[in-house]
Amino acid sequence: MREIRNPFVDVPGYVCFGCSPANAAGLRMSFAEDGEEIVSEWSPEAHFAGYGSILHGGIQATLHDEIASWVVFVKLSTAGFTERLEMDYRNPVRVDAGAIVLRSRLERTEGNKAFIRTRLLDGKGKLGSESLAVYFTLPPHIARRKLAFPGSTNAFFEEG
């Protein structure tokens, strides 16, 4: 598994709720590449709970959506927009039961659409939720100009 670095941290105004390490109210997700999958280990905080100590479903959806965008960045070497996100909530995910692991992979592309499957495993390794995200991907030259995409998948990995 190799760590993915966040090349957006120096972009002025970058405060992404999902992945900006500088957004104190956000999720501050980080990512790694494990073969064909993008992986994120994320430790939930109590304020992300809905009822009781169960991770809020909207936060789960955001985690799924965010990691899917990193699949687009790293595996397709471009950026895009969420067109659709289908969520299946399988089991309660407790915020007090340890780190959550998300695993996401490109299922297929059709033209400029990327279909991405993600699984969220709770702190005990049990499936909490799964999703299918459909991303509308941009041509790389437009992603660079409009979305500050760094222009190369190499920007996501340390040299050497």
Protein backbone atom coordinates (compact mmCIF):
# COMPACT_ATOMS: atom_id res chain seq x y z
CA MET A 1 0.00 0.00 0.00
CA ARG A 2 1.35 3.45 -0.83
CA GLU A 3 0.30 6.72 0.73
CA ILE A 4 -1.39 9.31 -1.45
CA ARG A 5 -0.34 12.88 -0.81
CA ASN A 6 -2.84 15.70 -1.10
CA PRO A 7 -1.58 18.09 -3.82
CA PHE A 8 -4.40 20.58 -3.18
CA VAL A 9 -3.14 21.79 0.22
CA ASP A 10 -1.40 24.81 -1.32
CA VAL A 11 -4.34 25.86 -3.53
CA PRO A 12 -5.73 29.20 -2.27
CA GLY A 13 -9.20 28.79 -0.78
CA TYR A 14 -8.97 25.00 -0.48
CA VAL A 15 -11.18 24.01 2.47
CA CYS A 16 -12.83 20.82 1.22
CA PHE A 17 -15.10 19.38 3.92
CA GLY A 18 -13.99 15.86 3.02
CA CYS A 19 -10.23 16.05 2.59
CA SER A 20 -8.74 19.39 3.59
CA PRO A 21 -6.43 18.86 6.56
CA ALA A 22 -6.93 22.55 7.41
CA ASN A 23 -10.73 22.35 7.79
CA ALA A 24 -11.18 21.84 11.54
CA ALA A 25 -14.92 21.16 11.10
CA GLY A 26 -14.35 18.70 8.24
CA LEU A 27 -13.55 15.03 7.92
CA ARG A 28 -9.84 15.56 7.10
CA MET A 29 -9.65 12.25 5.22
CA SER A 30 -6.37 10.85 3.91
CA PHE A 31 -5.86 8.13 1.34
CA ALA A 32 -3.62 5.31 0.16
CA GLU A 33 -3.48 3.17 -2.94
CA ASP A 34 -3.74 -0.59 -2.47
CA GLY A 35 -3.57 -2.22 -5.90
CA GLU A 36 -6.75 -1.29 -7.75
CA GLU A 37 -8.34 0.21 -4.66
CA ILE A 38 -8.12 3.57 -2.94
CA VAL A 39 -8.29 3.13 0.83
CA SER A 40 -8.99 5.54 3.67
CA GLU A 41 -8.75 4.83 7.37
CA TRP A 42 -10.77 7.41 9.24
CA SER A 43 -11.37 7.83 12.98
CA PRO A 44 -14.84 9.24 13.65
CA GLU A 45 -15.36 11.86 16.31
CA ALA A 46 -18.43 11.95 18.56
CA HIS A 47 -19.84 15.09 16.90
CA PHE A 48 -20.34 13.12 13.64
CA ALA A 49 -22.97 10.91 15.33
CA GLY A 50 -26.65 11.01 14.54
CA TYR A 51 -28.81 9.20 17.06
CA GLY A 52 -26.85 7.86 20.01
CA SER A 53 -23.32 7.03 18.98
CA ILE A 54 -24.23 5.86 15.45
CA LEU A 55 -22.35 7.57 12.61
CA HIS A 56 -24.78 9.88 10.82
CA GLY A 57 -25.91 8.56 7.44
CA GLY A 58 -25.12 11.87 5.74
CA ILE A 59 -21.55 11.69 7.02
CA GLN A 60 -21.30 8.14 5.70
CA ALA A 61 -22.52 9.34 2.29
CA THR A 62 -19.93 12.13 2.35
CA LEU A 63 -17.16 9.63 3.16
CA HIS A 64 -18.25 7.49 0.19
CA ASP A 65 -18.49 10.48 -2.14
CA GLU A 66 -15.10 11.84 -1.12
CA ILE A 67 -13.14 8.62 -1.56
CA ALA A 68 -14.82 8.09 -4.95
CA SER A 69 -13.45 11.45 -6.09
CA TRP A 70 -9.94 10.28 -5.17
CA VAL A 71 -10.47 7.20 -7.34
CA VAL A 72 -11.12 9.62 -10.21
CA PHE A 73 -8.01 11.68 -9.36
CA VAL A 74 -5.61 8.75 -9.01
CA LYS A 75 -6.99 6.03 -11.28
CA LEU A 76 -8.31 8.22 -14.12
CA SER A 77 -5.86 11.12 -13.77
CA THR A 78 -8.53 13.79 -13.94
CA ALA A 79 -11.32 15.35 -11.86
CA GLY A 80 -15.07 15.56 -12.14
CA PHE A 81 -18.39 15.94 -10.38
CA THR A 82 -20.71 13.57 -8.60
CA GLU A 83 -23.65 12.82 -10.84
CA ARG A 84 -25.28 10.19 -8.66
CA LEU A 85 -24.60 8.46 -5.36
CA GLU A 86 -26.58 5.34 -4.44
CA MET A 87 -26.18 4.33 -0.81
CA ASP A 88 -27.02 1.06 0.91
CA TYR A 89 -26.82 1.21 4.70
CA ARG A 90 -26.19 -2.35 5.89
CA ASN A 91 -25.40 -2.12 9.62
CA PRO A 92 -25.08 0.61 12.27
CA VAL A 93 -21.60 2.14 12.43
CA ARG A 94 -20.61 3.31 15.90
CA VAL A 95 -18.40 6.36 16.33
CA ASP A 96 -16.91 4.86 19.50
CA ALA A 97 -15.82 1.50 18.04
CA GLY A 98 -12.50 2.43 16.43
CA ALA A 99 -11.27 3.50 13.04
CA ILE A 100 -13.42 3.02 9.97
CA VAL A 101 -11.94 1.72 6.72
CA LEU A 102 -13.26 2.65 3.31
CA ARG A 103 -12.24 0.76 0.17
CA SER A 104 -13.14 2.15 -3.22
CA ARG A 105 -12.48 0.97 -6.78
CA LEU A 106 -13.31 1.90 -10.33
CA GLU A 107 -15.90 -0.56 -11.58
CA ARG A 108 -16.09 0.71 -15.17
CA THR A 109 -16.21 3.75 -17.40
CA GLU A 110 -18.77 4.62 -20.05
CA GLY A 111 -17.69 7.63 -22.07
CA ASN A 112 -17.06 10.41 -19.57
CA LYS A 113 -18.84 8.61 -16.71
CA ALA A 114 -16.95 6.65 -14.07
CA PHE A 115 -18.79 4.06 -11.97
CA ILE A 116 -17.13 3.63 -8.57
CA ARG A 117 -17.96 1.08 -5.83
CA THR A 118 -17.14 1.78 -2.21
CA ARG A 119 -17.45 -0.25 1.00
CA LEU A 120 -17.31 1.21 4.52
CA LEU A 121 -16.20 -1.18 7.25
CA ASP A 122 -16.77 -0.32 10.89
CA GLY A 123 -14.15 -0.47 13.63
CA LYS A 124 -14.70 -4.22 13.95
CA GLY A 125 -14.43 -4.89 10.20
CA LYS A 126 -18.18 -5.34 9.67
CA LEU A 127 -19.79 -3.88 6.54
CA GLY A 128 -21.59 -0.69 7.53
CA SER A 129 -22.53 0.74 4.14
CA GLU A 130 -21.74 0.44 0.47
CA SER A 131 -22.29 2.68 -2.50
CA LEU A 132 -22.18 3.17 -6.22
CA ALA A 133 -21.04 6.63 -7.26
CA VAL A 134 -21.33 7.87 -10.81
CA TYR A 135 -18.87 10.64 -11.60
CA PHE A 136 -19.01 12.90 -14.64
CA THR A 137 -15.32 13.22 -15.50
CA LEU A 138 -13.75 16.16 -17.27
CA PRO A 139 -11.07 16.09 -19.92
CA PRO A 140 -7.76 16.53 -18.06
CA HIS A 141 -6.99 19.96 -19.61
CA ILE A 142 -10.33 21.30 -18.32
CA ALA A 143 -9.82 19.68 -14.90
CA ARG A 144 -6.46 21.48 -14.67
CA ARG A 145 -7.91 24.84 -15.67
CA LYS A 146 -11.21 24.78 -13.77
CA LEU A 147 -10.60 22.50 -10.76
CA ALA A 148 -6.90 22.97 -9.95
CA PHE A 149 -6.18 19.36 -10.88
CA PRO A 150 -2.38 19.04 -10.73
CA GLY A 151 -2.17 17.58 -14.22
CA SER A 152 -0.57 14.24 -13.42
CA THR A 153 -1.20 11.27 -11.18
CA ASN A 154 2.47 11.62 -10.16
CA ALA A 155 1.50 14.71 -8.13
CA PHE A 156 -0.32 12.37 -5.72
CA PHE A 157 2.76 10.36 -4.79
CA GLU A 158 6.11 11.17 -3.21
CA GLU A 159 9.04 10.87 -5.56
CA GLY A 160 11.52 8.06 -5.13
